[in-house]
């Protein structure tokens, strides 16, 4: 894909600026419609499209959900002193998610009817007709040459979640290059965020003030024009800006998937908060990544929170931030389609 909708508008590469520290803040100021978008060469399809549901439709965990083949193994969840959200061997419940939500971009005229913007340029986001992974529209995100942002967006959970499984199809434009800095990293997705000053911008999580896990693309070990690799970046109690390359020989990596510009990929992520005992965070919080159905990253030793009332999962969503103390070498375009979420669960689950 070589053309797009155009609006001119550490250093390990993962330091970024403040990300929506006010959990109640909103910023919905742009109108983005794809009617004038130039045609582009389609990204190659690497997997089957996700199930499409109606506009922001929520399917309750019921016989209807089971009939559609949705769900996931969660673990029995009881929350209180000494018990938390992380899955344990003595789990007794079936783990059916509370809800499954599918965001069908075809049903929206504006990107800000779907996501909230906390940082970046509203003009960097647009719903476009080409390329798409399925249906008639995808979300385009631009990181502008000479800038860090992009945008950071959020699909918010009003009451917070103890665990979240998300699935999205994403692709990089065929012209995506990461030149002039090695290594260079660019954020692509907010997997799970507890919003607060400890979630981003160099803040220090203290168990009550936010935390996060985000997916990045990196040129570590690659050529400037790719293929590129994945990076998991986490703000947690034991280290802010903790980053794990999803590459052979790296801790927690279970593979080294290549990201080739011009291809679509299905990214699935699971984040589960840690348990808390007598006010202390236990090291059992979980982050897992799958790419095209292959488990590629797994970490089960994280301490995110000491506060299950107010410091759990607030949001997830598309993001684009380049650097670091360096900026994008050119306009860079990422594309997203078929964003689904299993709330307090996963997409497959056992019988109850």
C-alpha atoms as a PDB file:
ATOM      1  CA  UNK A   1       0.000   0.000   0.000  1.00  0.00           C
ATOM      2  CA  UNK A   2       1.578   3.250  -1.124  1.00  0.00           C
ATOM      3  CA  UNK A   3      -1.051   5.978  -0.793  1.00  0.00           C
ATOM      4  CA  UNK A   4      -3.126   7.215   2.124  1.00  0.00           C
ATOM      5  CA  UNK A   5      -5.404   9.921   3.336  1.00  0.00           C
ATOM      6  CA  UNK A   6      -2.978  12.779   4.003  1.00  0.00           C
ATOM      7  CA  UNK A   7      -3.505  15.587   6.506  1.00  0.00           C
ATOM      8  CA  UNK A   8      -0.374  17.619   6.951  1.00  0.00           C
ATOM      9  CA  UNK A   9      -0.869  18.607  10.047  1.00  0.00           C
ATOM     10  CA  UNK A  10      15.622   7.249  26.468  1.00  0.00           C
ATOM     11  CA  UNK A  11      16.800   6.451  25.105  1.00  0.00           C
ATOM     12  CA  UNK A  12      15.553   3.004  24.288  1.00  0.00           C
ATOM     13  CA  UNK A  13      12.784   4.545  22.283  1.00  0.00           C
ATOM     14  CA  UNK A  14       9.940   3.974  24.671  1.00  0.00           C
ATOM     15  CA  UNK A  15       9.793   7.116  26.801  1.00  0.00           C
ATOM     16  CA  UNK A  16       6.605   8.945  25.970  1.00  0.00           C
ATOM     17  CA  UNK A  17       4.590  11.877  27.169  1.00  0.00           C
ATOM     18  CA  UNK A  18       1.580  11.956  29.461  1.00  0.00           C
ATOM     19  CA  UNK A  19      -1.258   9.619  28.442  1.00  0.00           C
ATOM     20  CA  UNK A  20      -4.677  10.808  29.588  1.00  0.00           C
ATOM     21  CA  UNK A  21      -3.943  10.920  33.282  1.00  0.00           C
ATOM     22  CA  UNK A  22      -7.435  12.194  34.042  1.00  0.00           C
ATOM     23  CA  UNK A  23      -9.583   9.088  33.657  1.00  0.00           C
ATOM     24  CA  UNK A  24     -12.654  11.270  33.093  1.00  0.00           C
ATOM     25  CA  UNK A  25     -11.117  13.541  30.457  1.00  0.00           C
ATOM     26  CA  UNK A  26     -12.499  13.496  26.950  1.00  0.00           C
ATOM     27  CA  UNK A  27     -11.272  14.983  23.691  1.00  0.00           C
ATOM     28  CA  UNK A  28     -13.510  14.474  20.675  1.00  0.00           C
ATOM     29  CA  UNK A  29     -12.886  17.324  18.290  1.00  0.00           C
ATOM     30  CA  UNK A  30     -12.215  15.947  14.817  1.00  0.00           C
ATOM     31  CA  UNK A  31     -14.426  14.806  11.977  1.00  0.00           C
ATOM     32  CA  UNK A  32     -12.835  11.974  10.020  1.00  0.00           C
ATOM     33  CA  UNK A  33     -14.755  10.463   7.106  1.00  0.00           C
ATOM     34  CA  UNK A  34     -13.247   8.318   4.394  1.00  0.00           C
ATOM     35  CA  UNK A  35     -15.157   9.604   1.347  1.00  0.00           C
ATOM     36  CA  UNK A  36     -12.168  11.519  -0.051  1.00  0.00           C
ATOM     37  CA  UNK A  37      -9.550   8.927   0.751  1.00  0.00           C
ATOM     38  CA  UNK A  38      -7.386   8.030  -2.269  1.00  0.00           C
ATOM     39  CA  UNK A  39      -7.319   4.407  -3.321  1.00  0.00           C
ATOM     40  CA  UNK A  40      -4.475   2.320  -1.894  1.00  0.00           C
ATOM     41  CA  UNK A  41      -3.020  -1.105  -2.580  1.00  0.00           C
ATOM     42  CA  UNK A  42      -4.612  -3.473  -0.102  1.00  0.00           C
ATOM     43  CA  UNK A  43      -2.591  -4.946   2.714  1.00  0.00           C
ATOM     44  CA  UNK A  44      -2.165  -8.680   2.309  1.00  0.00           C
ATOM     45  CA  UNK A  45      -4.585 -10.764   4.354  1.00  0.00           C
ATOM     46  CA  UNK A  46      -2.854 -13.118   6.796  1.00  0.00           C
ATOM     47  CA  UNK A  47      -5.840 -14.515   8.625  1.00  0.00           C
ATOM     48  CA  UNK A  48      -9.610 -14.931   8.625  1.00  0.00           C
ATOM     49  CA  UNK A  49     -11.662 -11.833   9.510  1.00  0.00           C
ATOM     50  CA  UNK A  50     -13.095 -11.606  13.006  1.00  0.00           C
ATOM     51  CA  UNK A  51     -16.798 -12.152  13.569  1.00  0.00           C
ATOM     52  CA  UNK A  52     -18.682  -8.966  12.720  1.00  0.00           C
ATOM     53  CA  UNK A  53     -21.490  -7.755  14.966  1.00  0.00           C
ATOM     54  CA  UNK A  54     -23.680  -4.677  14.778  1.00  0.00           C
ATOM     55  CA  UNK A  55     -22.760  -1.169  15.939  1.00  0.00           C
ATOM     56  CA  UNK A  56     -20.952  -1.391  19.279  1.00  0.00           C
ATOM     57  CA  UNK A  57     -23.027  -4.468  20.009  1.00  0.00           C
ATOM     58  CA  UNK A  58     -22.490  -6.241  23.309  1.00  0.00           C
ATOM     59  CA  UNK A  59     -23.303  -9.940  23.545  1.00  0.00           C
ATOM     60  CA  UNK A  60     -24.081 -11.021  27.046  1.00  0.00           C
ATOM     61  CA  UNK A  61     -22.420 -14.152  28.392  1.00  0.00           C
ATOM     62  CA  UNK A  62     -25.343 -16.450  27.754  1.00  0.00           C
ATOM     63  CA  UNK A  63     -26.509 -19.206  25.465  1.00  0.00           C
ATOM     64  CA  UNK A  64     -26.401 -16.707  22.600  1.00  0.00           C
ATOM     65  CA  UNK A  65     -22.708 -16.089  23.210  1.00  0.00           C
ATOM     66  CA  UNK A  66     -21.981 -19.790  23.377  1.00  0.00           C
ATOM     67  CA  UNK A  67     -23.855 -20.391  20.149  1.00  0.00           C
ATOM     68  CA  UNK A  68     -21.675 -17.844  18.389  1.00  0.00           C
ATOM     69  CA  UNK A  69     -18.530 -19.617  19.497  1.00  0.00           C
ATOM     70  CA  UNK A  70     -17.212 -16.742  21.620  1.00  0.00           C
ATOM     71  CA  UNK A  71     -15.744 -16.901  25.107  1.00  0.00           C
ATOM     72  CA  UNK A  72     -12.572 -17.763  27.032  1.00  0.00           C
ATOM     73  CA  UNK A  73     -10.933 -19.375  30.056  1.00  0.00           C
ATOM     74  CA  UNK A  74     -10.790 -16.741  32.766  1.00  0.00           C
ATOM     75  CA  UNK A  75     -10.557 -18.433  36.118  1.00  0.00           C
ATOM     76  CA  UNK A  76     -12.847 -18.084  39.092  1.00  0.00           C
ATOM     77  CA  UNK A  77     -12.812 -14.470  40.178  1.00  0.00           C
ATOM     78  CA  UNK A  78     -13.411 -13.376  43.731  1.00  0.00           C
ATOM     79  CA  UNK A  79     -12.058 -10.039  44.816  1.00  0.00           C
ATOM     80  CA  UNK A  80     -11.128  -9.082  48.335  1.00  0.00           C
ATOM     81  CA  UNK A  81      -8.337  -9.367  50.849  1.00  0.00           C
ATOM     82  CA  UNK A  82      -6.004 -12.147  49.869  1.00  0.00           C
ATOM     83  CA  UNK A  83      -7.811 -12.909  46.616  1.00  0.00           C
ATOM     84  CA  UNK A  84      -7.327 -11.225  43.277  1.00  0.00           C
ATOM     85  CA  UNK A  85      -7.925 -11.543  39.581  1.00  0.00           C
ATOM     86  CA  UNK A  86      -5.002 -13.611  38.399  1.00  0.00           C
ATOM     87  CA  UNK A  87      -5.828 -17.162  37.352  1.00  0.00           C
ATOM     88  CA  UNK A  88      -4.831 -19.794  39.922  1.00  0.00           C
ATOM     89  CA  UNK A  89      -4.653 -23.610  39.877  1.00  0.00           C
ATOM     90  CA  UNK A  90      -7.621 -23.916  42.228  1.00  0.00           C
ATOM     91  CA  UNK A  91      -9.923 -21.916  39.978  1.00  0.00           C
ATOM     92  CA  UNK A  92     -13.435 -23.323  40.257  1.00  0.00           C
ATOM     93  CA  UNK A  93     -15.608 -21.236  37.936  1.00  0.00           C
ATOM     94  CA  UNK A  94     -15.829 -21.729  34.181  1.00  0.00           C
ATOM     95  CA  UNK A  95     -14.445 -18.300  33.387  1.00  0.00           C
ATOM     96  CA  UNK A  96     -17.183 -17.060  31.081  1.00  0.00           C
ATOM     97  CA  UNK A  97     -16.556 -13.363  30.230  1.00  0.00           C
ATOM     98  CA  UNK A  98     -19.036 -10.737  31.333  1.00  0.00           C
ATOM     99  CA  UNK A  99     -19.414  -9.327  27.825  1.00  0.00           C
ATOM    100  CA  UNK A 100     -17.925  -9.640  24.356  1.00  0.00           C
ATOM    101  CA  UNK A 101     -17.773  -6.382  22.394  1.00  0.00           C
ATOM    102  CA  UNK A 102     -16.978  -6.066  18.707  1.00  0.00           C
ATOM    103  CA  UNK A 103     -16.341  -2.653  17.153  1.00  0.00           C
ATOM    104  CA  UNK A 104     -17.393  -2.745  13.510  1.00  0.00           C
ATOM    105  CA  UNK A 105     -15.829   0.324  11.940  1.00  0.00           C
ATOM    106  CA  UNK A 106     -18.215   0.100   8.962  1.00  0.00           C
ATOM    107  CA  UNK A 107     -21.007   1.314  11.223  1.00  0.00           C
ATOM    108  CA  UNK A 108     -19.339   4.595  12.191  1.00  0.00           C
ATOM    109  CA  UNK A 109     -18.857   7.901  10.397  1.00  0.00           C
ATOM    110  CA  UNK A 110     -16.309   9.276  12.855  1.00  0.00           C
ATOM    111  CA  UNK A 111     -13.411   7.638  14.656  1.00  0.00           C
ATOM    112  CA  UNK A 112     -14.253   9.657  17.782  1.00  0.00           C
ATOM    113  CA  UNK A 113     -17.607   7.912  18.027  1.00  0.00           C
ATOM    114  CA  UNK A 114     -15.517   4.818  18.863  1.00  0.00           C
ATOM    115  CA  UNK A 115     -12.483   5.986  20.826  1.00  0.00           C
ATOM    116  CA  UNK A 116     -11.523   8.834  23.145  1.00  0.00           C
ATOM    117  CA  UNK A 117      -8.353  10.812  22.374  1.00  0.00           C
ATOM    118  CA  UNK A 118      -6.025  11.594  25.279  1.00  0.00           C
ATOM    119  CA  UNK A 119      -2.896  12.737  23.445  1.00  0.00           C
ATOM    120  CA  UNK A 120      -1.783  13.644  19.965  1.00  0.00           C
ATOM    121  CA  UNK A 121      -3.376  15.203  16.913  1.00  0.00           C
ATOM    122  CA  UNK A 122      -7.042  14.466  16.090  1.00  0.00           C
ATOM    123  CA  UNK A 123      -6.192  14.954  12.410  1.00  0.00           C
ATOM    124  CA  UNK A 124      -3.868  11.943  12.572  1.00  0.00           C
ATOM    125  CA  UNK A 125      -6.871   9.587  12.735  1.00  0.00           C
ATOM    126  CA  UNK A 126      -9.340   8.767   9.965  1.00  0.00           C
ATOM    127  CA  UNK A 127     -11.746   6.044   8.917  1.00  0.00           C
ATOM    128  CA  UNK A 128     -10.687   4.995   5.419  1.00  0.00           C
ATOM    129  CA  UNK A 129     -12.114   2.803   2.657  1.00  0.00           C
ATOM    130  CA  UNK A 130      -8.777   1.318   1.623  1.00  0.00           C
ATOM    131  CA  UNK A 131      -7.006  -0.717   2.880  1.00  0.00           C
ATOM    132  CA  UNK A 132      -9.323  -2.873   4.978  1.00  0.00           C
ATOM    133  CA  UNK A 133      -8.905  -6.301   6.519  1.00  0.00           C
ATOM    134  CA  UNK A 134     -12.648  -6.932   6.231  1.00  0.00           C
ATOM    135  CA  UNK A 135     -15.701  -4.877   5.501  1.00  0.00           C
ATOM    136  CA  UNK A 136     -15.651  -1.380   4.052  1.00  0.00           C
ATOM    137  CA  UNK A 137     -13.719   0.696   6.573  1.00  0.00           C
ATOM    138  CA  UNK A 138     -10.548   0.565   8.646  1.00  0.00           C
ATOM    139  CA  UNK A 139      -8.928   3.040  11.011  1.00  0.00           C
ATOM    140  CA  UNK A 140      -5.854   4.872   9.728  1.00  0.00           C
ATOM    141  CA  UNK A 141      -3.374   6.382  12.202  1.00  0.00           C
ATOM    142  CA  UNK A 142      -0.569   8.676  11.057  1.00  0.00           C
ATOM    143  CA  UNK A 143       2.605   9.533  12.966  1.00  0.00           C
ATOM    144  CA  UNK A 144       3.841  12.731  11.353  1.00  0.00           C
ATOM    145  CA  UNK A 145       7.424  13.251  10.185  1.00  0.00           C
ATOM    146  CA  UNK A 146       9.491  15.111  12.767  1.00  0.00           C
ATOM    147  CA  UNK A 147       7.008  14.455  15.565  1.00  0.00           C
ATOM    148  CA  UNK A 148       6.421  11.856  18.294  1.00  0.00           C
ATOM    149  CA  UNK A 149       2.614  11.655  17.980  1.00  0.00           C
ATOM    150  CA  UNK A 150       0.302  10.080  16.350  1.00  0.00           C
ATOM    151  CA  UNK A 151      -2.350   9.747  18.873  1.00  0.00           C
ATOM    152  CA  UNK A 152      -3.231   7.812  21.974  1.00  0.00           C
ATOM    153  CA  UNK A 153      -6.827   6.594  22.012  1.00  0.00           C
ATOM    154  CA  UNK A 154      -8.991   4.763  24.500  1.00  0.00           C
ATOM    155  CA  UNK A 155     -12.043   2.550  24.547  1.00  0.00           C
ATOM    156  CA  UNK A 156     -12.942   3.109  28.201  1.00  0.00           C
ATOM    157  CA  UNK A 157     -14.461   0.692  30.711  1.00  0.00           C
ATOM    158  CA  UNK A 158     -16.599   2.691  33.109  1.00  0.00           C
ATOM    159  CA  UNK A 159     -16.319   0.299  36.048  1.00  0.00           C
ATOM    160  CA  UNK A 160     -12.838  -1.064  35.297  1.00  0.00           C
ATOM    161  CA  UNK A 161     -11.867  -4.656  34.557  1.00  0.00           C
ATOM    162  CA  UNK A 162      -9.789  -7.248  36.345  1.00  0.00           C
ATOM    163  CA  UNK A 163      -8.892  -8.963  33.085  1.00  0.00           C
ATOM    164  CA  UNK A 164      -9.204  -8.179  29.417  1.00  0.00           C
ATOM    165  CA  UNK A 165      -8.704 -10.082  26.209  1.00  0.00           C
ATOM    166  CA  UNK A 166      -8.494  -7.997  23.068  1.00  0.00           C
ATOM    167  CA  UNK A 167      -8.146  -8.871  19.406  1.00  0.00           C
ATOM    168  CA  UNK A 168      -7.412  -6.538  16.499  1.00  0.00           C
ATOM    169  CA  UNK A 169      -6.114  -6.756  12.979  1.00  0.00           C
ATOM    170  CA  UNK A 170      -3.310  -4.325  12.201  1.00  0.00           C
ATOM    171  CA  UNK A 171      -0.916  -3.558   9.393  1.00  0.00           C
ATOM    172  CA  UNK A 172       1.874  -1.130   8.540  1.00  0.00           C
ATOM    173  CA  UNK A 173       1.876   0.805   5.295  1.00  0.00           C
ATOM    174  CA  UNK A 174       4.183  -0.624   2.628  1.00  0.00           C
ATOM    175  CA  UNK A 175       6.329   2.503   2.869  1.00  0.00           C
ATOM    176  CA  UNK A 176       6.921   2.156   6.626  1.00  0.00           C
ATOM    177  CA  UNK A 177      10.633   2.713   7.381  1.00  0.00           C
ATOM    178  CA  UNK A 178      12.456   3.306  10.663  1.00  0.00           C
ATOM    179  CA  UNK A 179      15.658   5.091   9.636  1.00  0.00           C
ATOM    180  CA  UNK A 180      18.130   7.378  11.371  1.00  0.00           C
ATOM    181  CA  UNK A 181      18.053   5.719  14.810  1.00  0.00           C
ATOM    182  CA  UNK A 182      18.908   2.261  16.070  1.00  0.00           C
ATOM    183  CA  UNK A 183      17.147   0.911  17.930  1.00  0.00           C
ATOM    184  CA  UNK A 184      13.951   2.858  17.275  1.00  0.00           C
ATOM    185  CA  UNK A 185      10.543   1.951  18.657  1.00  0.00           C
ATOM    186  CA  UNK A 186       7.010   3.056  17.857  1.00  0.00           C
ATOM    187  CA  UNK A 187       3.932   2.342  19.947  1.00  0.00           C
ATOM    188  CA  UNK A 188       1.032   0.744  18.059  1.00  0.00           C
ATOM    189  CA  UNK A 189      -1.535  -0.245  20.693  1.00  0.00           C
ATOM    190  CA  UNK A 190      -2.571   0.400  24.290  1.00  0.00           C
ATOM    191  CA  UNK A 191      -3.275  -3.137  25.498  1.00  0.00           C
ATOM    192  CA  UNK A 192      -4.387  -2.237  29.026  1.00  0.00           C
ATOM    193  CA  UNK A 193      -4.150   0.978  31.002  1.00  0.00           C
ATOM    194  CA  UNK A 194      -5.082   1.972  34.530  1.00  0.00           C
ATOM    195  CA  UNK A 195      -5.116   5.696  33.932  1.00  0.00           C
ATOM    196  CA  UNK A 196      -3.014   7.845  36.225  1.00  0.00           C
ATOM    197  CA  UNK A 197       0.405   9.442  36.458  1.00  0.00           C
ATOM    198  CA  UNK A 198       2.029   6.039  36.931  1.00  0.00           C
ATOM    199  CA  UNK A 199       0.781   4.746  33.569  1.00  0.00           C
ATOM    200  CA  UNK A 200       2.982   6.716  31.155  1.00  0.00           C
ATOM    201  CA  UNK A 201       5.299   9.652  30.628  1.00  0.00           C
ATOM    202  CA  UNK A 202       8.038   8.321  32.896  1.00  0.00           C
ATOM    203  CA  UNK A 203       5.710   8.169  35.904  1.00  0.00           C
ATOM    204  CA  UNK A 204       6.395   5.705  38.712  1.00  0.00           C
ATOM    205  CA  UNK A 205       3.561   3.287  39.557  1.00  0.00           C
ATOM    206  CA  UNK A 206       2.967   2.999  43.301  1.00  0.00           C
ATOM    207  CA  UNK A 207       0.067   0.543  43.260  1.00  0.00           C
ATOM    208  CA  UNK A 208      -2.623   3.227  43.294  1.00  0.00           C
ATOM    209  CA  UNK A 209      -1.708   5.761  40.578  1.00  0.00           C
ATOM    210  CA  UNK A 210      -1.943   3.867  37.286  1.00  0.00           C
ATOM    211  CA  UNK A 211      -0.022   1.304  35.260  1.00  0.00           C
ATOM    212  CA  UNK A 212      -0.035   0.081  31.661  1.00  0.00           C
ATOM    213  CA  UNK A 213       0.992  -2.425  29.042  1.00  0.00           C
ATOM    214  CA  UNK A 214       1.478  -1.305  25.430  1.00  0.00           C
ATOM    215  CA  UNK A 215       2.563  -2.957  22.180  1.00  0.00           C
ATOM    216  CA  UNK A 216       5.408  -1.442  20.154  1.00  0.00           C
ATOM    217  CA  UNK A 217       7.068  -2.117  16.825  1.00  0.00           C
ATOM    218  CA  UNK A 218      10.878  -2.041  16.831  1.00  0.00           C
ATOM    219  CA  UNK A 219      13.734  -2.045  14.334  1.00  0.00           C
ATOM    220  CA  UNK A 220      15.939  -3.922  16.816  1.00  0.00           C
ATOM    221  CA  UNK A 221      17.736  -6.597  14.778  1.00  0.00           C
ATOM    222  CA  UNK A 222      16.104  -5.519  11.511  1.00  0.00           C
ATOM    223  CA  UNK A 223      16.786  -3.450   8.429  1.00  0.00           C
ATOM    224  CA  UNK A 224      15.373   0.098   8.249  1.00  0.00           C
ATOM    225  CA  UNK A 225      12.595  -1.119   5.926  1.00  0.00           C
ATOM    226  CA  UNK A 226      11.904  -4.266   7.935  1.00  0.00           C
ATOM    227  CA  UNK A 227      10.769  -6.831   8.606  1.00  0.00           C
ATOM    228  CA  UNK A 228      10.258  -5.471  12.113  1.00  0.00           C
ATOM    229  CA  UNK A 229       9.660  -7.085  15.495  1.00  0.00           C
ATOM    230  CA  UNK A 230       7.359  -6.626  18.494  1.00  0.00           C
ATOM    231  CA  UNK A 231       8.098  -5.128  21.881  1.00  0.00           C
ATOM    232  CA  UNK A 232       6.036  -5.323  25.071  1.00  0.00           C
ATOM    233  CA  UNK A 233       6.335  -2.185  27.202  1.00  0.00           C
ATOM    234  CA  UNK A 234       4.995  -2.142  30.750  1.00  0.00           C
ATOM    235  CA  UNK A 235       4.683   0.309  33.616  1.00  0.00           C
ATOM    236  CA  UNK A 236       4.459  -1.822  36.780  1.00  0.00           C
ATOM    237  CA  UNK A 237       5.345  -1.567  40.454  1.00  0.00           C
ATOM    238  CA  UNK A 238       8.825  -3.032  40.099  1.00  0.00           C
ATOM    239  CA  UNK A 239       9.897  -0.997  37.082  1.00  0.00           C
ATOM    240  CA  UNK A 240       8.457   1.786  34.969  1.00  0.00           C
ATOM    241  CA  UNK A 241       9.179   1.591  31.247  1.00  0.00           C
ATOM    242  CA  UNK A 242      10.014  -2.123  31.459  1.00  0.00           C
ATOM    243  CA  UNK A 243      10.417  -3.409  27.921  1.00  0.00           C
ATOM    244  CA  UNK A 244      10.630  -6.957  26.602  1.00  0.00           C
ATOM    245  CA  UNK A 245      11.588  -7.604  22.988  1.00  0.00           C
ATOM    246  CA  UNK A 246       9.543 -10.421  21.468  1.00  0.00           C
ATOM    247  CA  UNK A 247      12.617 -11.991  19.927  1.00  0.00           C
ATOM    248  CA  UNK A 248      14.485 -15.284  20.237  1.00  0.00           C
ATOM    249  CA  UNK A 249      16.587 -15.493  23.376  1.00  0.00           C
ATOM    250  CA  UNK A 250      14.717 -12.731  25.206  1.00  0.00           C
ATOM    251  CA  UNK A 251      12.979 -13.416  28.533  1.00  0.00           C
ATOM    252  CA  UNK A 252       9.255 -14.123  28.171  1.00  0.00           C
ATOM    253  CA  UNK A 253       9.455 -14.352  24.356  1.00  0.00           C
ATOM    254  CA  UNK A 254       8.055 -17.565  22.868  1.00  0.00           C
ATOM    255  CA  UNK A 255       8.967 -16.732  19.285  1.00  0.00           C
ATOM    256  CA  UNK A 256      10.236 -14.025  16.975  1.00  0.00           C
ATOM    257  CA  UNK A 257       7.379 -13.095  14.662  1.00  0.00           C
ATOM    258  CA  UNK A 258       8.268 -10.776  11.794  1.00  0.00           C
ATOM    259  CA  UNK A 259       6.124  -7.783  10.913  1.00  0.00           C
ATOM    260  CA  UNK A 260       6.341  -7.080   7.191  1.00  0.00           C
ATOM    261  CA  UNK A 261       5.000  -3.718   5.992  1.00  0.00           C
ATOM    262  CA  UNK A 262       2.022  -4.214   3.708  1.00  0.00           C
ATOM    263  CA  UNK A 263       0.657  -7.307   5.501  1.00  0.00           C
ATOM    264  CA  UNK A 264      -2.305  -7.640   7.838  1.00  0.00           C
ATOM    265  CA  UNK A 265      -1.772  -9.446  11.163  1.00  0.00           C
ATOM    266  CA  UNK A 266      -4.162 -10.543  13.882  1.00  0.00           C
ATOM    267  CA  UNK A 267      -2.901  -9.472  17.307  1.00  0.00           C
ATOM    268  CA  UNK A 268      -4.523 -10.873  20.444  1.00  0.00           C
ATOM    269  CA  UNK A 269      -3.618  -9.804  23.957  1.00  0.00           C
ATOM    270  CA  UNK A 270      -4.610 -10.887  27.436  1.00  0.00           C
ATOM    271  CA  UNK A 271      -3.943  -8.810  30.557  1.00  0.00           C
ATOM    272  CA  UNK A 272      -4.945  -9.864  34.067  1.00  0.00           C
ATOM    273  CA  UNK A 273      -4.265  -7.818  37.203  1.00  0.00           C
ATOM    274  CA  UNK A 274      -2.330  -9.300  40.104  1.00  0.00           C
ATOM    275  CA  UNK A 275      -3.795 -10.592  43.344  1.00  0.00           C
ATOM    276  CA  UNK A 276      -3.469  -8.539  46.530  1.00  0.00           C
ATOM    277  CA  UNK A 277      -2.822  -9.963  49.992  1.00  0.00           C
ATOM    278  CA  UNK A 278      -3.114  -7.747  53.073  1.00  0.00           C
ATOM    279  CA  UNK A 279      -2.620  -4.660  50.947  1.00  0.00           C
ATOM    280  CA  UNK A 280       0.482  -6.014  49.186  1.00  0.00           C
ATOM    281  CA  UNK A 281       0.652  -6.754  45.467  1.00  0.00           C
ATOM    282  CA  UNK A 282       1.549 -10.334  44.593  1.00  0.00           C
ATOM    283  CA  UNK A 283       3.786 -11.019  41.556  1.00  0.00           C
ATOM    284  CA  UNK A 284       1.166 -12.897  39.528  1.00  0.00           C
ATOM    285  CA  UNK A 285      -0.193 -10.360  37.057  1.00  0.00           C
ATOM    286  CA  UNK A 286      -0.311 -11.697  33.507  1.00  0.00           C
ATOM    287  CA  UNK A 287       0.358 -10.391  29.998  1.00  0.00           C
ATOM    288  CA  UNK A 288       0.116 -12.668  26.956  1.00  0.00           C
ATOM    289  CA  UNK A 289       0.389 -11.887  23.232  1.00  0.00           C
ATOM    290  CA  UNK A 290      -0.646 -13.987  20.248  1.00  0.00           C
ATOM    291  CA  UNK A 291       0.109 -13.186  16.613  1.00  0.00           C
ATOM    292  CA  UNK A 292      -1.979 -15.003  14.017  1.00  0.00           C
ATOM    293  CA  UNK A 293      -3.033 -17.543  16.688  1.00  0.00           C
ATOM    294  CA  UNK A 294       0.534 -18.299  17.863  1.00  0.00           C
ATOM    295  CA  UNK A 295       1.407 -17.506  21.486  1.00  0.00           C
ATOM    296  CA  UNK A 296       4.523 -15.338  21.161  1.00  0.00           C
ATOM    297  CA  UNK A 297       4.887 -13.660  24.570  1.00  0.00           C
ATOM    298  CA  UNK A 298       3.926 -14.668  28.097  1.00  0.00           C
ATOM    299  CA  UNK A 299       4.709 -13.021  31.405  1.00  0.00           C
ATOM    300  CA  UNK A 300       3.115 -14.070  34.697  1.00  0.00           C
ATOM    301  CA  UNK A 301       5.154 -12.239  37.368  1.00  0.00           C
ATOM    302  CA  UNK A 302       3.882  -8.668  37.211  1.00  0.00           C
ATOM    303  CA  UNK A 303       2.759  -6.459  40.082  1.00  0.00           C
ATOM    304  CA  UNK A 304       0.421  -3.796  38.746  1.00  0.00           C
ATOM    305  CA  UNK A 305      -1.762  -2.701  41.643  1.00  0.00           C
ATOM    306  CA  UNK A 306      -2.528  -2.726  45.344  1.00  0.00           C
ATOM    307  CA  UNK A 307      -5.981  -1.219  44.772  1.00  0.00           C
ATOM    308  CA  UNK A 308      -8.645  -3.430  43.197  1.00  0.00           C
ATOM    309  CA  UNK A 309     -11.261  -0.703  43.621  1.00  0.00           C
ATOM    310  CA  UNK A 310      -9.690   2.136  41.642  1.00  0.00           C
ATOM    311  CA  UNK A 311      -6.494   0.925  39.937  1.00  0.00           C
ATOM    312  CA  UNK A 312      -7.497  -1.797  37.500  1.00  0.00           C
ATOM    313  CA  UNK A 313      -8.003  -1.823  33.709  1.00  0.00           C
ATOM    314  CA  UNK A 314      -9.613   1.416  32.526  1.00  0.00           C
ATOM    315  CA  UNK A 315      -9.058   1.342  28.760  1.00  0.00           C
ATOM    316  CA  UNK A 316      -7.410  -0.019  25.641  1.00  0.00           C
ATOM    317  CA  UNK A 317      -7.147   1.125  22.036  1.00  0.00           C
ATOM    318  CA  UNK A 318      -5.046   2.209  19.043  1.00  0.00           C
ATOM    319  CA  UNK A 319      -1.981   4.380  19.570  1.00  0.00           C
ATOM    320  CA  UNK A 320       0.917   5.822  17.620  1.00  0.00           C
ATOM    321  CA  UNK A 321       3.964   7.350  19.338  1.00  0.00           C
ATOM    322  CA  UNK A 322       7.516   7.342  17.909  1.00  0.00           C
ATOM    323  CA  UNK A 323      10.458   7.514  20.337  1.00  0.00           C
ATOM    324  CA  UNK A 324      11.979   8.348  22.701  1.00  0.00           C
ATOM    325  CA  UNK A 325      14.066  11.393  22.416  1.00  0.00           C
ATOM    326  CA  UNK A 326      13.872  11.105  18.654  1.00  0.00           C
ATOM    327  CA  UNK A 327      11.062  11.610  16.177  1.00  0.00           C
ATOM    328  CA  UNK A 328       9.524   9.882  13.165  1.00  0.00           C
ATOM    329  CA  UNK A 329      11.825  10.046  10.112  1.00  0.00           C
ATOM    330  CA  UNK A 330       8.846  10.331   7.735  1.00  0.00           C
ATOM    331  CA  UNK A 331       5.062  10.170   7.791  1.00  0.00           C
ATOM    332  CA  UNK A 332       4.207   6.679   9.035  1.00  0.00           C
ATOM    333  CA  UNK A 333       0.784   5.047   8.626  1.00  0.00           C
ATOM    334  CA  UNK A 334      -0.671   2.147  10.600  1.00  0.00           C
ATOM    335  CA  UNK A 335      -4.078   0.542   9.970  1.00  0.00           C
ATOM    336  CA  UNK A 336      -6.508  -1.226  12.299  1.00  0.00           C
ATOM    337  CA  UNK A 337      -9.650  -3.294  11.774  1.00  0.00           C
ATOM    338  CA  UNK A 338     -11.966  -5.658  13.666  1.00  0.00           C
ATOM    339  CA  UNK A 339     -11.303  -4.674  17.281  1.00  0.00           C
ATOM    340  CA  UNK A 340     -12.963  -7.119  19.692  1.00  0.00           C
ATOM    341  CA  UNK A 341     -12.850  -7.353  23.481  1.00  0.00           C
ATOM    342  CA  UNK A 342     -13.812 -10.026  26.018  1.00  0.00           C
ATOM    343  CA  UNK A 343     -14.452  -8.241  29.311  1.00  0.00           C
ATOM    344  CA  UNK A 344     -13.276 -10.035  32.440  1.00  0.00           C
ATOM    345  CA  UNK A 345     -12.578 -13.110  30.358  1.00  0.00           C
ATOM    346  CA  UNK A 346     -11.280 -14.469  27.075  1.00  0.00           C
ATOM    347  CA  UNK A 347     -12.780 -15.562  23.777  1.00  0.00           C
ATOM    348  CA  UNK A 348     -12.866 -19.313  24.491  1.00  0.00           C
ATOM    349  CA  UNK A 349     -14.092 -20.855  27.729  1.00  0.00           C
ATOM    350  CA  UNK A 350     -15.081 -24.171  29.182  1.00  0.00           C
ATOM    351  CA  UNK A 351     -18.519 -25.356  30.203  1.00  0.00           C
ATOM    352  CA  UNK A 352     -19.920 -24.194  33.538  1.00  0.00           C
END
